[in-house]
Amino acid sequence: MYVLSPVDLISDFIPVLGLLDDLIIVPLRIRATLKQIPQYLISEIRSRINA
């Protein structure tokens, strides 16, 4: 998982933990990224989609 850095926190070779950290970190990073997008821009994009 290279969303945050090229170093994986828990190796994917560890059966359950390796994938579990990806399932937790990726959605959190997506949420944090979306919070950084200005609200006016999100509104503009949604209006173009609905048009």
N, C-alpha and C. Protein backbone atom coordinates (compact mmCIF):
# COMPACT_ATOMS: atom_id res chain seq x y z
N MET A 1 0.84 -1.16 0.00
CA MET A 1 0.00 0.00 0.00
C MET A 1 0.89 1.23 0.00
N TYR A 2 0.78 1.99 -1.04
CA TYR A 2 1.65 3.15 -1.19
C TYR A 2 0.85 4.45 -1.22
N VAL A 3 -0.28 4.49 -0.52
CA VAL A 3 -1.10 5.71 -0.48
C VAL A 3 -0.41 6.79 0.33
N LEU A 4 0.15 6.41 1.47
CA LEU A 4 0.78 7.40 2.35
C LEU A 4 2.27 7.53 2.11
N SER A 5 2.93 6.40 1.94
CA SER A 5 4.37 6.43 1.74
C SER A 5 4.80 5.12 1.07
N PRO A 6 6.00 5.08 0.53
CA PRO A 6 6.45 3.85 -0.11
C PRO A 6 6.75 2.73 0.87
N VAL A 7 6.66 3.02 2.16
CA VAL A 7 6.93 2.00 3.18
C VAL A 7 5.60 1.53 3.74
N ASP A 8 5.34 0.24 3.65
CA ASP A 8 4.10 -0.33 4.17
C ASP A 8 4.25 -0.51 5.68
N LEU A 9 3.26 -0.04 6.44
CA LEU A 9 3.35 -0.12 7.90
C LEU A 9 3.40 -1.57 8.38
N ILE A 10 2.52 -2.38 7.86
CA ILE A 10 2.50 -3.81 8.19
C ILE A 10 2.58 -4.55 6.87
N SER A 11 3.53 -5.40 6.74
CA SER A 11 3.76 -6.09 5.48
C SER A 11 2.54 -6.90 5.07
N ASP A 12 2.24 -6.91 3.76
CA ASP A 12 1.11 -7.67 3.25
C ASP A 12 1.36 -9.18 3.31
N PHE A 13 2.56 -9.57 3.62
CA PHE A 13 2.85 -11.00 3.73
C PHE A 13 2.29 -11.59 5.02
N ILE A 14 2.01 -10.75 6.01
CA ILE A 14 1.38 -11.22 7.24
C ILE A 14 -0.09 -11.42 6.90
N PRO A 15 -0.61 -12.63 7.03
CA PRO A 15 -1.92 -12.98 6.47
C PRO A 15 -3.06 -11.98 6.68
N VAL A 16 -3.49 -11.71 7.85
CA VAL A 16 -4.66 -10.85 8.04
C VAL A 16 -4.26 -9.40 8.29
N LEU A 17 -3.25 -9.18 9.07
CA LEU A 17 -2.86 -7.82 9.45
C LEU A 17 -2.38 -6.99 8.27
N GLY A 18 -1.74 -7.62 7.33
CA GLY A 18 -1.22 -6.88 6.18
C GLY A 18 -2.31 -6.24 5.35
N LEU A 19 -3.42 -6.92 5.17
CA LEU A 19 -4.53 -6.36 4.41
C LEU A 19 -5.42 -5.48 5.28
N LEU A 20 -5.49 -5.81 6.56
CA LEU A 20 -6.33 -5.04 7.46
C LEU A 20 -5.86 -3.60 7.59
N ASP A 21 -4.56 -3.38 7.64
CA ASP A 21 -4.08 -2.00 7.72
C ASP A 21 -4.42 -1.22 6.46
N ASP A 22 -4.41 -1.90 5.30
CA ASP A 22 -4.80 -1.24 4.06
C ASP A 22 -6.28 -0.87 4.08
N LEU A 23 -7.10 -1.75 4.62
CA LEU A 23 -8.54 -1.49 4.67
C LEU A 23 -8.90 -0.36 5.63
N ILE A 24 -8.03 -0.07 6.55
CA ILE A 24 -8.28 1.02 7.49
C ILE A 24 -7.65 2.32 7.00
N ILE A 25 -6.43 2.28 6.54
CA ILE A 25 -5.70 3.50 6.19
C ILE A 25 -6.21 4.14 4.90
N VAL A 26 -6.53 3.35 3.90
CA VAL A 26 -6.95 3.91 2.61
C VAL A 26 -8.24 4.73 2.75
N PRO A 27 -9.30 4.22 3.37
CA PRO A 27 -10.50 5.06 3.52
C PRO A 27 -10.26 6.32 4.36
N LEU A 28 -9.43 6.20 5.38
CA LEU A 28 -9.13 7.39 6.20
C LEU A 28 -8.40 8.44 5.37
N ARG A 29 -7.49 8.00 4.53
CA ARG A 29 -6.75 8.93 3.68
C ARG A 29 -7.66 9.56 2.63
N ILE A 30 -8.60 8.80 2.09
CA ILE A 30 -9.56 9.35 1.13
C ILE A 30 -10.41 10.41 1.80
N ARG A 31 -10.89 10.12 3.02
CA ARG A 31 -11.72 11.08 3.75
C ARG A 31 -10.92 12.36 4.03
N ALA A 32 -9.68 12.23 4.45
CA ALA A 32 -8.85 13.40 4.74
C ALA A 32 -8.61 14.23 3.48
N THR A 33 -8.43 13.56 2.36
CA THR A 33 -8.22 14.27 1.09
C THR A 33 -9.47 15.02 0.67
N LEU A 34 -10.63 14.39 0.82
CA LEU A 34 -11.88 15.04 0.43
C LEU A 34 -12.18 16.25 1.31
N LYS A 35 -11.77 16.21 2.56
CA LYS A 35 -11.98 17.36 3.45
C LYS A 35 -11.13 18.56 3.03
N GLN A 36 -10.07 18.33 2.29
CA GLN A 36 -9.19 19.42 1.86
C GLN A 36 -9.70 20.11 0.60
N ILE A 37 -10.66 19.51 -0.09
CA ILE A 37 -11.21 20.12 -1.29
C ILE A 37 -12.22 21.19 -0.87
N PRO A 38 -12.10 22.41 -1.39
CA PRO A 38 -13.03 23.47 -1.01
C PRO A 38 -14.48 23.12 -1.35
N GLN A 39 -15.40 23.54 -0.49
CA GLN A 39 -16.81 23.20 -0.65
C GLN A 39 -17.40 23.76 -1.95
N TYR A 40 -16.96 24.96 -2.34
CA TYR A 40 -17.49 25.53 -3.58
C TYR A 40 -17.12 24.66 -4.79
N LEU A 41 -15.97 24.05 -4.76
CA LEU A 41 -15.55 23.19 -5.86
C LEU A 41 -16.38 21.91 -5.91
N ILE A 42 -16.65 21.34 -4.76
CA ILE A 42 -17.50 20.14 -4.70
C ILE A 42 -18.90 20.47 -5.21
N SER A 43 -19.44 21.64 -4.82
CA SER A 43 -20.76 22.06 -5.27
C SER A 43 -20.78 22.24 -6.79
N GLU A 44 -19.74 22.83 -7.33
CA GLU A 44 -19.65 23.03 -8.79
C GLU A 44 -19.62 21.70 -9.53
N ILE A 45 -18.86 20.77 -9.04
CA ILE A 45 -18.77 19.46 -9.69
C ILE A 45 -20.11 18.73 -9.62
N ARG A 46 -20.75 18.79 -8.45
CA ARG A 46 -22.06 18.12 -8.31
C ARG A 46 -23.10 18.75 -9.23
N SER A 47 -23.06 20.06 -9.40
CA SER A 47 -24.03 20.71 -10.29
C SER A 47 -23.79 20.31 -11.75
N ARG A 48 -22.54 20.12 -12.11
CA ARG A 48 -22.24 19.68 -13.49
C ARG A 48 -22.68 18.23 -13.71
N ILE A 49 -22.56 17.42 -12.67
CA ILE A 49 -22.98 16.02 -12.80
C ILE A 49 -24.49 15.94 -12.95
N ASN A 50 -25.22 16.74 -12.18
CA ASN A 50 -26.68 16.70 -12.19
C ASN A 50 -27.29 17.40 -13.39
N ALA A 51 -26.51 18.20 -14.11
CA ALA A 51 -27.05 18.95 -15.25
C ALA A 51 -27.26 18.08 -16.45
